[in-house]
């Protein structure tokens, strides 16, 4: 590797986002520009009121409404806003759909960019240097070893690198045997991990 090539491992080691956030938070509190209570309130909102439920509602609607699914894949923020409260000024969201021969995986190689508005708080592993590096270098091995998601060899993997300007969410395939379920029942089947792409629902139904 030449000096000009990007090394995600080296970058992750030297750009720990959690350490930088902690340092910035401490500085803002020390300067009385931010309070600990305000930080706790924001975290509590994402933990208790948003979580991955917003994303699950969006996915369930897409599974039951073909026209909505097309709009979601075309303009993620606008379509998500039809179902849940999403601040379109805060994020741009691209939704990528799994298919029988395709699987999508989301990562942020630079820090921990994540679609909070639809998935809530990111899991701890999403922010680790190991996940951020292996998702790019060896996604199939990462999914098998760390998440027990074994993809057949003929399934192509697409890795999407989220940024502060553009976040990604995976639209999983609709699980088999759910044809008789309504939208509310389907919401309970959708998981955060499936919307990141570290889990995959089997079956031929989309």
Foldseek 3Di string as FASTA:
>chain_A
DDPPDDALLVLCVVQAPVVVVVVVVVVCVVVVVDPPVVVVVLLCCLVPPAAQLLVLLLLLCVLVDVVLVVVCQVFVQVSSVVGDPDDPVQAGEHEAEAAPQEFEAEAASNAQDARCRNHGDDDPVRGHSVCSNCCPVPVQVCLCPPPVAHDPPRRYYDYDHADSHYHYWYNAFQAPPCVPPHSVVSSVVDDSCVRNGSHHHDDRGD
